[in-house]
C-alpha atoms as a PDB file:
ATOM      1  CA  UNK A   1       0.017   0.001   0.035  1.00  0.00           C
ATOM      2  CA  UNK A   2       2.912   2.493   0.877  1.00  0.00           C
ATOM      3  CA  UNK A   3       4.400   1.675  -2.638  1.00  0.00           C
ATOM      4  CA  UNK A   4       1.821   4.165  -4.123  1.00  0.00           C
ATOM      5  CA  UNK A   5       3.250   7.558  -4.533  1.00  0.00           C
ATOM      6  CA  UNK A   6      -0.059   9.319  -4.051  1.00  0.00           C
ATOM      7  CA  UNK A   7      -0.534   7.504  -0.766  1.00  0.00           C
ATOM      8  CA  UNK A   8       3.085   8.413   0.393  1.00  0.00           C
ATOM      9  CA  UNK A   9       2.627  12.045  -0.579  1.00  0.00           C
ATOM     10  CA  UNK A  10      -0.708  12.444   1.152  1.00  0.00           C
ATOM     11  CA  UNK A  11       0.701  10.788   4.304  1.00  0.00           C
ATOM     12  CA  UNK A  12       3.704  13.129   4.293  1.00  0.00           C
ATOM     13  CA  UNK A  13       1.541  16.067   4.031  1.00  0.00           C
ATOM     14  CA  UNK A  14      -0.716  14.853   6.821  1.00  0.00           C
ATOM     15  CA  UNK A  15       2.271  14.335   9.248  1.00  0.00           C
ATOM     16  CA  UNK A  16       3.473  17.963   8.350  1.00  0.00           C
ATOM     17  CA  UNK A  17       0.109  19.277   9.321  1.00  0.00           C
ATOM     18  CA  UNK A  18      -0.332  17.445  12.586  1.00  0.00           C
ATOM     19  CA  UNK A  19       3.195  17.390  14.180  1.00  0.00           C
ATOM     20  CA  UNK A  20       3.946  20.501  16.050  1.00  0.00           C
ATOM     21  CA  UNK A  21       7.153  22.207  15.634  1.00  0.00           C
ATOM     22  CA  UNK A  22       9.748  21.967  18.314  1.00  0.00           C
ATOM     23  CA  UNK A  23       9.266  25.111  20.212  1.00  0.00           C
ATOM     24  CA  UNK A  24      11.928  26.463  22.793  1.00  0.00           C
ATOM     25  CA  UNK A  25       9.348  29.105  23.891  1.00  0.00           C
ATOM     26  CA  UNK A  26       7.203  26.317  25.073  1.00  0.00           C
ATOM     27  CA  UNK A  27       9.958  24.691  26.962  1.00  0.00           C
ATOM     28  CA  UNK A  28      10.745  27.863  28.652  1.00  0.00           C
ATOM     29  CA  UNK A  29       7.078  28.442  29.680  1.00  0.00           C
ATOM     30  CA  UNK A  30       7.047  24.923  31.019  1.00  0.00           C
ATOM     31  CA  UNK A  31      10.251  25.396  33.050  1.00  0.00           C
ATOM     32  CA  UNK A  32       8.926  28.778  34.337  1.00  0.00           C
ATOM     33  CA  UNK A  33       5.623  27.129  35.333  1.00  0.00           C
ATOM     34  CA  UNK A  34       7.684  24.481  37.397  1.00  0.00           C
ATOM     35  CA  UNK A  35       9.652  27.056  39.038  1.00  0.00           C
ATOM     36  CA  UNK A  36       6.583  29.208  39.825  1.00  0.00           C
ATOM     37  CA  UNK A  37       4.871  26.096  41.357  1.00  0.00           C
ATOM     38  CA  UNK A  38       7.787  25.102  43.564  1.00  0.00           C
ATOM     39  CA  UNK A  39       8.252  28.748  44.929  1.00  0.00           C
ATOM     40  CA  UNK A  40       4.672  29.008  46.207  1.00  0.00           C
ATOM     41  CA  UNK A  41       4.385  29.958  49.893  1.00  0.00           C
ATOM     42  CA  UNK A  42       2.953  27.511  52.413  1.00  0.00           C
ATOM     43  CA  UNK A  43      -0.455  28.029  53.924  1.00  0.00           C
ATOM     44  CA  UNK A  44      -2.967  26.479  56.293  1.00  0.00           C
ATOM     45  CA  UNK A  45      -6.165  25.589  54.624  1.00  0.00           C
ATOM     46  CA  UNK A  46      -9.440  24.825  56.385  1.00  0.00           C
ATOM     47  CA  UNK A  47     -12.888  24.121  55.126  1.00  0.00           C
ATOM     48  CA  UNK A  48     -15.897  23.486  57.495  1.00  0.00           C
ATOM     49  CA  UNK A  49     -19.550  22.714  56.479  1.00  0.00           C
ATOM     50  CA  UNK A  50     -21.914  25.038  58.442  1.00  0.00           C
ATOM     51  CA  UNK A  51     -25.282  23.114  57.330  1.00  0.00           C
ATOM     52  CA  UNK A  52     -27.795  23.236  54.727  1.00  0.00           C
ATOM     53  CA  UNK A  53     -28.227  26.544  52.986  1.00  0.00           C
ATOM     54  CA  UNK A  54     -25.262  28.248  54.614  1.00  0.00           C
ATOM     55  CA  UNK A  55     -21.875  28.802  52.803  1.00  0.00           C
ATOM     56  CA  UNK A  56     -19.040  26.743  54.247  1.00  0.00           C
ATOM     57  CA  UNK A  57     -16.539  28.485  56.574  1.00  0.00           C
ATOM     58  CA  UNK A  58     -13.182  28.611  54.782  1.00  0.00           C
ATOM     59  CA  UNK A  59      -9.728  30.012  55.277  1.00  0.00           C
ATOM     60  CA  UNK A  60      -9.183  31.108  51.706  1.00  0.00           C
ATOM     61  CA  UNK A  61     -11.948  32.506  49.299  1.00  0.00           C
ATOM     62  CA  UNK A  62     -11.146  29.904  46.556  1.00  0.00           C
ATOM     63  CA  UNK A  63     -12.265  27.166  48.700  1.00  0.00           C
ATOM     64  CA  UNK A  64     -15.698  28.335  49.096  1.00  0.00           C
ATOM     65  CA  UNK A  65     -16.980  26.698  45.931  1.00  0.00           C
ATOM     66  CA  UNK A  66     -15.863  23.160  47.079  1.00  0.00           C
ATOM     67  CA  UNK A  67     -18.273  20.412  48.180  1.00  0.00           C
ATOM     68  CA  UNK A  68     -16.521  18.005  50.386  1.00  0.00           C
ATOM     69  CA  UNK A  69     -17.502  14.676  51.897  1.00  0.00           C
ATOM     70  CA  UNK A  70     -16.387  15.538  55.387  1.00  0.00           C
ATOM     71  CA  UNK A  71     -17.911  18.271  57.602  1.00  0.00           C
ATOM     72  CA  UNK A  72     -14.575  19.734  58.517  1.00  0.00           C
ATOM     73  CA  UNK A  73     -11.158  19.347  56.833  1.00  0.00           C
ATOM     74  CA  UNK A  74      -7.875  21.158  57.368  1.00  0.00           C
ATOM     75  CA  UNK A  75      -4.724  20.792  55.292  1.00  0.00           C
ATOM     76  CA  UNK A  76      -1.068  22.193  56.043  1.00  0.00           C
ATOM     77  CA  UNK A  77      -0.512  23.275  52.439  1.00  0.00           C
ATOM     78  CA  UNK A  78       3.161  23.149  51.157  1.00  0.00           C
ATOM     79  CA  UNK A  79       4.578  23.355  47.715  1.00  0.00           C
ATOM     80  CA  UNK A  80       4.688  20.010  45.841  1.00  0.00           C
ATOM     81  CA  UNK A  81       7.551  17.456  46.274  1.00  0.00           C
ATOM     82  CA  UNK A  82       7.788  16.836  42.546  1.00  0.00           C
ATOM     83  CA  UNK A  83       6.460  18.534  39.479  1.00  0.00           C
ATOM     84  CA  UNK A  84       6.691  16.421  36.447  1.00  0.00           C
ATOM     85  CA  UNK A  85       5.643  16.565  32.758  1.00  0.00           C
ATOM     86  CA  UNK A  86       3.566  13.656  31.726  1.00  0.00           C
ATOM     87  CA  UNK A  87       1.449  12.548  28.702  1.00  0.00           C
ATOM     88  CA  UNK A  88       1.688  13.130  25.123  1.00  0.00           C
ATOM     89  CA  UNK A  89       3.844  16.365  25.231  1.00  0.00           C
ATOM     90  CA  UNK A  90       6.517  14.518  27.034  1.00  0.00           C
ATOM     91  CA  UNK A  91       6.553  11.653  24.740  1.00  0.00           C
ATOM     92  CA  UNK A  92       6.383  13.942  21.644  1.00  0.00           C
ATOM     93  CA  UNK A  93       3.161  12.384  20.289  1.00  0.00           C
ATOM     94  CA  UNK A  94       1.108  15.555  20.882  1.00  0.00           C
ATOM     95  CA  UNK A  95      -0.665  16.558  17.599  1.00  0.00           C
ATOM     96  CA  UNK A  96      -2.084  19.870  16.436  1.00  0.00           C
ATOM     97  CA  UNK A  97      -4.186  22.051  16.391  1.00  0.00           C
ATOM     98  CA  UNK A  98      -4.439  21.920  20.309  1.00  0.00           C
ATOM     99  CA  UNK A  99      -1.065  21.567  22.251  1.00  0.00           C
ATOM    100  CA  UNK A 100      -1.803  20.245  25.654  1.00  0.00           C
ATOM    101  CA  UNK A 101       0.755  19.840  28.278  1.00  0.00           C
ATOM    102  CA  UNK A 102       0.126  17.509  31.251  1.00  0.00           C
ATOM    103  CA  UNK A 103       1.599  18.219  34.572  1.00  0.00           C
ATOM    104  CA  UNK A 104       1.749  15.967  37.650  1.00  0.00           C
ATOM    105  CA  UNK A 105       2.251  17.297  41.042  1.00  0.00           C
ATOM    106  CA  UNK A 106       2.874  15.242  44.014  1.00  0.00           C
ATOM    107  CA  UNK A 107       1.358  16.243  47.331  1.00  0.00           C
ATOM    108  CA  UNK A 108       4.119  16.346  50.206  1.00  0.00           C
ATOM    109  CA  UNK A 109       3.838  13.728  52.773  1.00  0.00           C
ATOM    110  CA  UNK A 110       3.715  16.363  55.476  1.00  0.00           C
ATOM    111  CA  UNK A 111       0.357  17.391  54.170  1.00  0.00           C
ATOM    112  CA  UNK A 112      -1.263  13.988  54.767  1.00  0.00           C
ATOM    113  CA  UNK A 113      -1.801  11.724  57.591  1.00  0.00           C
ATOM    114  CA  UNK A 114      -1.617   7.852  57.560  1.00  0.00           C
ATOM    115  CA  UNK A 115      -5.265   7.519  58.251  1.00  0.00           C
ATOM    116  CA  UNK A 116      -6.433   9.838  55.451  1.00  0.00           C
ATOM    117  CA  UNK A 117      -7.687   7.038  53.204  1.00  0.00           C
ATOM    118  CA  UNK A 118     -10.534   6.680  55.588  1.00  0.00           C
ATOM    119  CA  UNK A 119     -13.951   8.409  55.148  1.00  0.00           C
ATOM    120  CA  UNK A 120     -12.896  10.228  51.796  1.00  0.00           C
ATOM    121  CA  UNK A 121     -10.381  12.399  53.701  1.00  0.00           C
ATOM    122  CA  UNK A 122      -7.628  11.901  51.197  1.00  0.00           C
ATOM    123  CA  UNK A 123     -10.023  12.965  48.398  1.00  0.00           C
ATOM    124  CA  UNK A 124     -11.038  15.925  50.376  1.00  0.00           C
ATOM    125  CA  UNK A 125      -7.522  16.945  51.074  1.00  0.00           C
ATOM    126  CA  UNK A 126      -6.584  16.403  47.409  1.00  0.00           C
ATOM    127  CA  UNK A 127      -9.388  18.810  46.343  1.00  0.00           C
ATOM    128  CA  UNK A 128      -8.225  21.477  48.899  1.00  0.00           C
ATOM    129  CA  UNK A 129      -4.672  21.103  47.646  1.00  0.00           C
ATOM    130  CA  UNK A 130      -5.532  21.492  43.948  1.00  0.00           C
ATOM    131  CA  UNK A 131      -8.004  24.302  44.530  1.00  0.00           C
ATOM    132  CA  UNK A 132      -5.471  26.293  46.365  1.00  0.00           C
ATOM    133  CA  UNK A 133      -2.561  25.568  43.813  1.00  0.00           C
ATOM    134  CA  UNK A 134      -5.043  26.486  40.900  1.00  0.00           C
ATOM    135  CA  UNK A 135      -5.897  29.766  42.605  1.00  0.00           C
ATOM    136  CA  UNK A 136      -2.331  30.679  43.371  1.00  0.00           C
ATOM    137  CA  UNK A 137      -1.302  29.879  39.788  1.00  0.00           C
ATOM    138  CA  UNK A 138      -4.270  32.088  38.564  1.00  0.00           C
ATOM    139  CA  UNK A 139      -3.047  35.125  40.440  1.00  0.00           C
ATOM    140  CA  UNK A 140      -0.688  37.549  38.672  1.00  0.00           C
ATOM    141  CA  UNK A 141       2.689  36.935  39.879  1.00  0.00           C
ATOM    142  CA  UNK A 142       5.545  39.472  40.464  1.00  0.00           C
ATOM    143  CA  UNK A 143       7.346  38.095  37.471  1.00  0.00           C
ATOM    144  CA  UNK A 144       4.555  38.855  34.948  1.00  0.00           C
ATOM    145  CA  UNK A 145       3.617  42.226  36.389  1.00  0.00           C
END
C-alpha cells in the first residue's frame, strides 16, 4: 500500500500538518511554570460545613465553591514534592491543533496523615490542595507584573 506515490505524498503532508514544531518558547514556559509552582508559599487551609443553605466556613476564598464529603477538613499546604511533565507532550506524540501539556504534582507527605484513606479524607484534602494550587497560579505573579 505504501508503494503508491499518491499515498506516500498524502501521508507526508498529513504528518506535516499535525506534528507540532519543536518550540523552545514552550519549553521555557513549562520550566517557568515548574519554578513558579515550587516557589509558592506554604499556607494553612481549612474548610468547614456549616449546614444546609449556609456557605462553608473557609480559610481562603477560593475554597468556598468546594463540596467535600467530610464536615471539617484542614490541610497544612506546602509546595509539591515533585512537578513532572507527563502525557503526550513529554513523549512528543502531541498533535496539532491543540497543544496540551500535562503536569503531575505530588502532594508532600507532610500534608497527609496515615489514616487519610478513611472516610474520603484523602479525596477531600486532594481537592483542597489542587483548588489552592490553581488559585495561586491564577493570581498575577510579580514576574509577569
